[in-house]
N, C-alpha and C. Protein backbone atom coordinates (compact mmCIF):
# COMPACT_ATOMS: atom_id res chain seq x y z
N MET A 1 -22.78 43.32 -3.13
CA MET A 1 -21.83 42.50 -3.87
C MET A 1 -20.63 42.11 -3.00
N ALA A 2 -20.08 43.13 -2.32
CA ALA A 2 -18.95 42.88 -1.44
C ALA A 2 -19.36 41.96 -0.29
N ASP A 3 -20.60 42.18 0.20
CA ASP A 3 -21.11 41.35 1.30
C ASP A 3 -21.23 39.89 0.84
N THR A 4 -21.68 39.65 -0.38
CA THR A 4 -21.83 38.31 -0.94
C THR A 4 -20.47 37.63 -1.05
N LYS A 5 -19.47 38.38 -1.53
CA LYS A 5 -18.09 37.83 -1.65
C LYS A 5 -17.54 37.50 -0.29
N ALA A 6 -17.80 38.37 0.68
CA ALA A 6 -17.29 38.14 2.04
C ALA A 6 -17.93 36.89 2.64
N LYS A 7 -19.24 36.70 2.41
CA LYS A 7 -19.92 35.51 2.91
C LYS A 7 -19.39 34.24 2.25
N ALA A 8 -19.14 34.33 0.93
CA ALA A 8 -18.61 33.17 0.19
C ALA A 8 -17.21 32.83 0.73
N ALA A 9 -16.40 33.85 0.95
CA ALA A 9 -15.04 33.63 1.46
C ALA A 9 -15.12 33.00 2.87
N GLN A 10 -16.04 33.48 3.69
CA GLN A 10 -16.21 32.94 5.03
C GLN A 10 -16.65 31.48 4.97
N ARG A 11 -17.55 31.14 4.08
CA ARG A 11 -17.97 29.76 3.90
C ARG A 11 -16.82 28.86 3.48
N GLN A 12 -15.98 29.37 2.60
CA GLN A 12 -14.80 28.61 2.16
C GLN A 12 -13.85 28.36 3.33
N ARG A 13 -13.60 29.41 4.14
CA ARG A 13 -12.71 29.25 5.30
C ARG A 13 -13.28 28.22 6.28
N GLU A 14 -14.60 28.28 6.48
CA GLU A 14 -15.24 27.31 7.38
C GLU A 14 -15.14 25.88 6.84
N LYS A 15 -15.33 25.75 5.53
CA LYS A 15 -15.24 24.41 4.90
C LYS A 15 -13.81 23.87 5.07
N ARG A 16 -12.81 24.72 4.82
CA ARG A 16 -11.43 24.26 4.96
C ARG A 16 -11.14 23.88 6.41
N ARG A 17 -11.66 24.66 7.36
CA ARG A 17 -11.48 24.35 8.78
C ARG A 17 -12.12 23.02 9.13
N ARG A 18 -13.34 22.80 8.67
CA ARG A 18 -14.03 21.53 8.95
C ARG A 18 -13.28 20.35 8.33
N ASP A 19 -12.81 20.53 7.08
CA ASP A 19 -12.04 19.47 6.42
C ASP A 19 -10.76 19.17 7.18
N ARG A 20 -10.06 20.21 7.64
CA ARG A 20 -8.82 20.04 8.38
C ARG A 20 -9.09 19.29 9.68
N GLU A 21 -10.15 19.69 10.38
CA GLU A 21 -10.51 19.01 11.64
C GLU A 21 -10.86 17.54 11.39
N ALA A 22 -11.58 17.28 10.30
CA ALA A 22 -11.93 15.88 9.97
C ALA A 22 -10.67 15.07 9.70
N ARG A 23 -9.73 15.63 8.96
CA ARG A 23 -8.46 14.93 8.69
C ARG A 23 -7.70 14.66 10.00
N GLU A 24 -7.68 15.67 10.88
CA GLU A 24 -6.98 15.51 12.15
C GLU A 24 -7.62 14.41 13.00
N ARG A 25 -8.96 14.32 13.00
CA ARG A 25 -9.66 13.26 13.74
C ARG A 25 -9.30 11.88 13.17
N LEU A 26 -9.28 11.79 11.83
CA LEU A 26 -8.93 10.51 11.20
C LEU A 26 -7.50 10.11 11.52
N ASN A 27 -6.57 11.09 11.42
CA ASN A 27 -5.17 10.81 11.72
C ASN A 27 -5.01 10.38 13.18
N ALA A 28 -5.69 11.05 14.08
CA ALA A 28 -5.62 10.71 15.51
C ALA A 28 -6.17 9.29 15.74
N GLY A 29 -7.12 8.88 14.94
CA GLY A 29 -7.68 7.54 15.05
C GLY A 29 -6.88 6.47 14.32
N GLY A 30 -5.73 6.86 13.78
CA GLY A 30 -4.87 5.89 13.08
C GLY A 30 -5.25 5.64 11.66
N GLN A 31 -5.98 6.54 11.05
CA GLN A 31 -6.38 6.38 9.64
C GLN A 31 -5.66 7.43 8.79
N ARG A 32 -5.35 7.04 7.58
CA ARG A 32 -4.69 7.96 6.62
C ARG A 32 -5.48 7.95 5.33
N LEU A 33 -5.48 9.07 4.68
CA LEU A 33 -6.14 9.21 3.39
C LEU A 33 -5.12 9.00 2.29
N ILE A 34 -5.38 8.11 1.37
CA ILE A 34 -4.51 7.83 0.25
C ILE A 34 -5.26 8.13 -1.03
N LYS A 35 -4.70 8.95 -1.87
CA LYS A 35 -5.31 9.25 -3.16
C LYS A 35 -4.32 8.84 -4.25
N PHE A 36 -4.81 8.20 -5.30
CA PHE A 36 -3.95 7.85 -6.42
C PHE A 36 -4.79 7.66 -7.66
N TRP A 37 -4.13 7.75 -8.78
CA TRP A 37 -4.79 7.61 -10.07
C TRP A 37 -4.60 6.19 -10.59
N VAL A 38 -5.61 5.66 -11.28
CA VAL A 38 -5.53 4.36 -11.91
C VAL A 38 -5.96 4.51 -13.36
N THR A 39 -5.54 3.56 -14.17
CA THR A 39 -5.93 3.59 -15.59
C THR A 39 -7.37 3.05 -15.69
N ASP A 40 -7.97 3.26 -16.85
CA ASP A 40 -9.32 2.71 -17.08
C ASP A 40 -9.30 1.18 -16.93
N GLU A 41 -8.24 0.58 -17.40
CA GLU A 41 -8.11 -0.88 -17.34
C GLU A 41 -8.04 -1.37 -15.89
N GLN A 42 -7.27 -0.68 -15.06
CA GLN A 42 -7.14 -1.03 -13.66
C GLN A 42 -8.47 -0.83 -12.93
N TYR A 43 -9.18 0.24 -13.24
CA TYR A 43 -10.47 0.51 -12.59
C TYR A 43 -11.49 -0.54 -13.01
N ALA A 44 -11.46 -0.93 -14.30
CA ALA A 44 -12.38 -1.96 -14.77
C ALA A 44 -12.11 -3.28 -14.04
N ALA A 45 -10.82 -3.58 -13.82
CA ALA A 45 -10.45 -4.79 -13.09
C ALA A 45 -10.98 -4.73 -11.66
N TYR A 46 -10.85 -3.56 -11.02
CA TYR A 46 -11.39 -3.40 -9.68
C TYR A 46 -12.89 -3.64 -9.67
N GLU A 47 -13.62 -2.98 -10.59
CA GLU A 47 -15.08 -3.10 -10.61
C GLU A 47 -15.51 -4.56 -10.82
N ARG A 48 -14.84 -5.23 -11.72
CA ARG A 48 -15.16 -6.63 -12.00
C ARG A 48 -14.88 -7.51 -10.78
N ASN A 49 -13.66 -7.38 -10.26
CA ASN A 49 -13.23 -8.25 -9.17
C ASN A 49 -13.92 -7.96 -7.84
N ALA A 50 -14.26 -6.71 -7.60
CA ALA A 50 -14.94 -6.37 -6.34
C ALA A 50 -16.28 -7.05 -6.22
N GLY A 51 -16.93 -7.26 -7.33
CA GLY A 51 -18.20 -7.99 -7.32
C GLY A 51 -18.01 -9.48 -7.33
N LEU A 52 -17.05 -9.97 -8.11
CA LEU A 52 -16.81 -11.40 -8.21
C LEU A 52 -16.32 -12.01 -6.88
N ARG A 53 -15.61 -11.23 -6.11
CA ARG A 53 -15.05 -11.73 -4.86
C ARG A 53 -16.07 -11.68 -3.72
N ARG A 54 -17.26 -11.17 -4.02
CA ARG A 54 -18.30 -11.09 -2.98
C ARG A 54 -19.66 -11.46 -3.57
N PRO A 55 -19.78 -12.70 -4.09
CA PRO A 55 -21.05 -13.08 -4.75
C PRO A 55 -22.23 -13.04 -3.77
N GLY A 56 -23.33 -12.57 -4.27
CA GLY A 56 -24.55 -12.52 -3.46
C GLY A 56 -24.64 -11.32 -2.53
N LYS A 57 -23.60 -10.50 -2.52
CA LYS A 57 -23.59 -9.29 -1.69
C LYS A 57 -23.19 -8.12 -2.56
N SER A 58 -23.28 -6.92 -1.99
CA SER A 58 -22.84 -5.75 -2.74
C SER A 58 -21.33 -5.80 -2.91
N PRO A 59 -20.82 -5.31 -4.04
CA PRO A 59 -19.37 -5.35 -4.28
C PRO A 59 -18.60 -4.57 -3.21
N TYR A 60 -17.34 -4.93 -3.04
CA TYR A 60 -16.47 -4.20 -2.13
C TYR A 60 -16.36 -2.75 -2.61
N THR A 61 -16.27 -1.83 -1.68
CA THR A 61 -15.97 -0.45 -2.05
C THR A 61 -14.48 -0.39 -2.36
N VAL A 62 -14.04 0.69 -2.98
CA VAL A 62 -12.62 0.85 -3.28
C VAL A 62 -11.82 0.78 -1.99
N ALA A 63 -12.30 1.45 -0.94
CA ALA A 63 -11.59 1.45 0.34
C ALA A 63 -11.49 0.05 0.93
N GLU A 64 -12.58 -0.70 0.91
CA GLU A 64 -12.58 -2.08 1.45
C GLU A 64 -11.62 -2.95 0.63
N TYR A 65 -11.70 -2.84 -0.69
CA TYR A 65 -10.88 -3.66 -1.57
C TYR A 65 -9.41 -3.38 -1.31
N ALA A 66 -9.05 -2.09 -1.26
CA ALA A 66 -7.65 -1.72 -1.04
C ALA A 66 -7.19 -2.20 0.33
N GLU A 67 -8.04 -2.01 1.34
CA GLU A 67 -7.67 -2.42 2.69
C GLU A 67 -7.39 -3.94 2.73
N LEU A 68 -8.23 -4.70 2.11
CA LEU A 68 -8.04 -6.18 2.09
C LEU A 68 -6.80 -6.57 1.30
N LEU A 69 -6.51 -5.86 0.22
CA LEU A 69 -5.27 -6.13 -0.53
C LEU A 69 -4.04 -5.84 0.34
N PHE A 70 -4.08 -4.72 1.09
CA PHE A 70 -2.95 -4.38 1.96
C PHE A 70 -2.74 -5.47 3.02
N VAL A 71 -3.84 -5.92 3.62
CA VAL A 71 -3.74 -6.96 4.66
C VAL A 71 -3.22 -8.27 4.06
N GLN A 72 -3.76 -8.63 2.87
CA GLN A 72 -3.32 -9.86 2.22
C GLN A 72 -1.84 -9.80 1.87
N ASP A 73 -1.37 -8.65 1.36
CA ASP A 73 0.05 -8.50 1.01
C ASP A 73 0.91 -8.56 2.27
N ASP A 74 0.47 -7.91 3.34
CA ASP A 74 1.26 -7.93 4.57
C ASP A 74 1.42 -9.35 5.10
N ARG A 75 0.34 -10.13 5.11
CA ARG A 75 0.42 -11.52 5.57
C ARG A 75 1.34 -12.34 4.68
N SER A 76 1.25 -12.14 3.38
CA SER A 76 2.08 -12.87 2.44
C SER A 76 3.56 -12.53 2.65
N LEU A 77 3.86 -11.25 2.84
CA LEU A 77 5.25 -10.82 3.03
C LEU A 77 5.80 -11.41 4.34
N ILE A 78 5.01 -11.39 5.39
CA ILE A 78 5.46 -11.96 6.67
C ILE A 78 5.82 -13.44 6.49
N GLN A 79 5.01 -14.18 5.75
CA GLN A 79 5.28 -15.61 5.50
C GLN A 79 6.55 -15.76 4.68
N GLU A 80 6.72 -14.93 3.65
CA GLU A 80 7.92 -15.02 2.80
C GLU A 80 9.19 -14.70 3.61
N LEU A 81 9.11 -13.69 4.46
CA LEU A 81 10.26 -13.32 5.31
C LEU A 81 10.59 -14.43 6.30
N ALA A 82 9.55 -15.08 6.84
CA ALA A 82 9.80 -16.19 7.78
C ALA A 82 10.50 -17.36 7.07
N LYS A 83 10.12 -17.64 5.83
CA LYS A 83 10.81 -18.70 5.05
C LYS A 83 12.25 -18.31 4.78
N LEU A 84 12.44 -17.04 4.40
CA LEU A 84 13.80 -16.59 4.10
C LEU A 84 14.71 -16.59 5.33
N ALA A 85 14.12 -16.32 6.49
CA ALA A 85 14.91 -16.27 7.73
C ALA A 85 15.53 -17.61 8.06
N LYS A 86 15.04 -18.68 7.47
CA LYS A 86 15.60 -20.02 7.71
C LYS A 86 16.79 -20.29 6.83
N LYS A 87 17.06 -19.37 5.87
CA LYS A 87 18.18 -19.54 4.94
C LYS A 87 19.29 -18.54 5.30
N SER A 88 20.49 -18.87 4.89
CA SER A 88 21.59 -17.92 5.05
C SER A 88 22.39 -17.90 3.74
N CYS A 89 23.07 -16.77 3.53
CA CYS A 89 23.87 -16.58 2.32
C CYS A 89 25.10 -17.49 2.42
N PRO A 90 25.35 -18.30 1.39
CA PRO A 90 26.51 -19.19 1.44
C PRO A 90 27.83 -18.43 1.38
N THR A 91 27.81 -17.20 0.92
CA THR A 91 29.03 -16.42 0.77
C THR A 91 29.37 -15.65 2.05
N CYS A 92 28.42 -14.89 2.57
CA CYS A 92 28.72 -14.04 3.73
C CYS A 92 28.18 -14.60 5.03
N GLY A 93 27.24 -15.56 4.95
CA GLY A 93 26.67 -16.15 6.14
C GLY A 93 25.52 -15.39 6.75
N GLU A 94 25.16 -14.26 6.19
CA GLU A 94 24.04 -13.46 6.71
C GLU A 94 22.74 -14.23 6.57
N VAL A 95 21.87 -14.10 7.58
CA VAL A 95 20.53 -14.69 7.51
C VAL A 95 19.73 -13.85 6.51
N MET A 96 18.96 -14.52 5.68
CA MET A 96 18.17 -13.83 4.69
C MET A 96 16.98 -13.15 5.33
N PRO A 97 16.51 -12.08 4.85
CA PRO A 97 16.90 -11.38 3.64
C PRO A 97 18.13 -10.51 3.81
N GLY A 98 18.75 -10.53 4.96
CA GLY A 98 19.97 -9.78 5.18
C GLY A 98 19.67 -8.36 5.68
N PRO A 99 20.73 -7.63 6.02
CA PRO A 99 20.53 -6.29 6.50
C PRO A 99 19.92 -5.37 5.45
N ALA A 100 19.24 -4.35 5.86
CA ALA A 100 18.54 -3.46 4.92
C ALA A 100 19.47 -2.90 3.85
N GLY A 101 20.67 -2.58 4.21
CA GLY A 101 21.64 -2.03 3.24
C GLY A 101 22.30 -3.09 2.39
N GLY A 102 22.05 -4.36 2.69
CA GLY A 102 22.71 -5.44 1.97
C GLY A 102 24.08 -5.72 2.55
N CYS A 103 24.61 -6.85 2.27
CA CYS A 103 25.94 -7.17 2.78
C CYS A 103 26.98 -6.54 1.84
N TRP A 104 28.24 -6.68 2.22
CA TRP A 104 29.30 -6.06 1.44
C TRP A 104 29.44 -6.71 0.06
N ARG A 105 28.89 -7.90 -0.16
CA ARG A 105 28.96 -8.55 -1.45
C ARG A 105 27.68 -8.45 -2.26
N ASN A 106 26.70 -7.73 -1.71
CA ASN A 106 25.42 -7.57 -2.40
C ASN A 106 25.66 -6.97 -3.77
N GLY A 107 25.06 -7.54 -4.76
CA GLY A 107 25.27 -7.11 -6.15
C GLY A 107 26.09 -8.12 -6.93
N GLU A 108 26.85 -8.94 -6.22
CA GLU A 108 27.65 -9.97 -6.87
C GLU A 108 26.79 -11.21 -7.05
N ALA A 109 27.06 -11.97 -8.08
CA ALA A 109 26.29 -13.17 -8.36
C ALA A 109 26.43 -14.21 -7.25
N ALA A 110 27.56 -14.19 -6.54
CA ALA A 110 27.81 -15.17 -5.47
C ALA A 110 26.98 -14.90 -4.23
N CYS A 111 26.47 -13.68 -4.07
CA CYS A 111 25.73 -13.33 -2.87
C CYS A 111 24.24 -13.63 -3.06
N ALA A 112 23.68 -14.40 -2.13
CA ALA A 112 22.26 -14.76 -2.24
C ALA A 112 21.35 -13.54 -2.13
N GLN A 113 21.81 -12.49 -1.44
CA GLN A 113 20.98 -11.30 -1.27
C GLN A 113 20.74 -10.58 -2.61
N THR A 114 21.63 -10.82 -3.56
CA THR A 114 21.48 -10.20 -4.86
C THR A 114 20.17 -10.60 -5.52
N LEU A 115 19.72 -11.84 -5.28
CA LEU A 115 18.50 -12.33 -5.90
C LEU A 115 17.29 -12.30 -4.99
N ILE A 116 17.49 -11.97 -3.72
CA ILE A 116 16.37 -11.98 -2.77
C ILE A 116 15.28 -11.03 -3.20
N TRP A 117 15.63 -9.87 -3.72
CA TRP A 117 14.59 -8.90 -4.09
C TRP A 117 13.59 -9.48 -5.06
N ARG A 118 14.03 -10.45 -5.89
CA ARG A 118 13.10 -11.07 -6.83
C ARG A 118 12.05 -11.89 -6.11
N GLU A 119 12.44 -12.50 -4.99
CA GLU A 119 11.48 -13.29 -4.22
C GLU A 119 10.52 -12.40 -3.45
N LEU A 120 10.98 -11.20 -3.05
CA LEU A 120 10.15 -10.34 -2.22
C LEU A 120 9.34 -9.31 -3.03
N ALA A 121 9.74 -9.10 -4.28
CA ALA A 121 9.04 -8.08 -5.08
C ALA A 121 7.60 -8.49 -5.38
N LEU A 122 6.73 -7.49 -5.49
CA LEU A 122 5.36 -7.77 -5.90
C LEU A 122 5.40 -8.29 -7.33
N LYS A 123 4.58 -9.26 -7.60
CA LYS A 123 4.63 -9.89 -8.93
C LYS A 123 3.36 -9.61 -9.72
N THR A 124 3.55 -9.45 -10.99
CA THR A 124 2.41 -9.30 -11.91
C THR A 124 2.39 -10.52 -12.84
N ILE A 125 1.24 -10.77 -13.38
CA ILE A 125 1.09 -11.89 -14.31
C ILE A 125 0.97 -11.31 -15.69
N GLY A 126 1.71 -11.90 -16.64
CA GLY A 126 1.56 -11.46 -17.99
C GLY A 126 2.53 -10.52 -18.41
């Protein structure tokens, strides 16, 4: 009995070691593991859209779908920031979107940076 428990414990230690080494290899290769919970409605939307966005082929996996959404959002944000960089705040003169901490008038209606977050925020429909 004790021998069986010792073997089981050893197997668990080995599994944890292998998992840790696998994570380290992925991290060294520039990959990160992200885990999160979604609602049934969000998962249903993923299942539906993953197939619709790839007609005639197998649906995107969750990892592929998320990766493509990250890339799409990054490209969109870069374009939005480039458009904003051509504007400046009429009050303080800062180029948009302005410094990370905001200008000294940020929060006031007269400061264009006050409303910039609305242009940069992720948007939902409905």
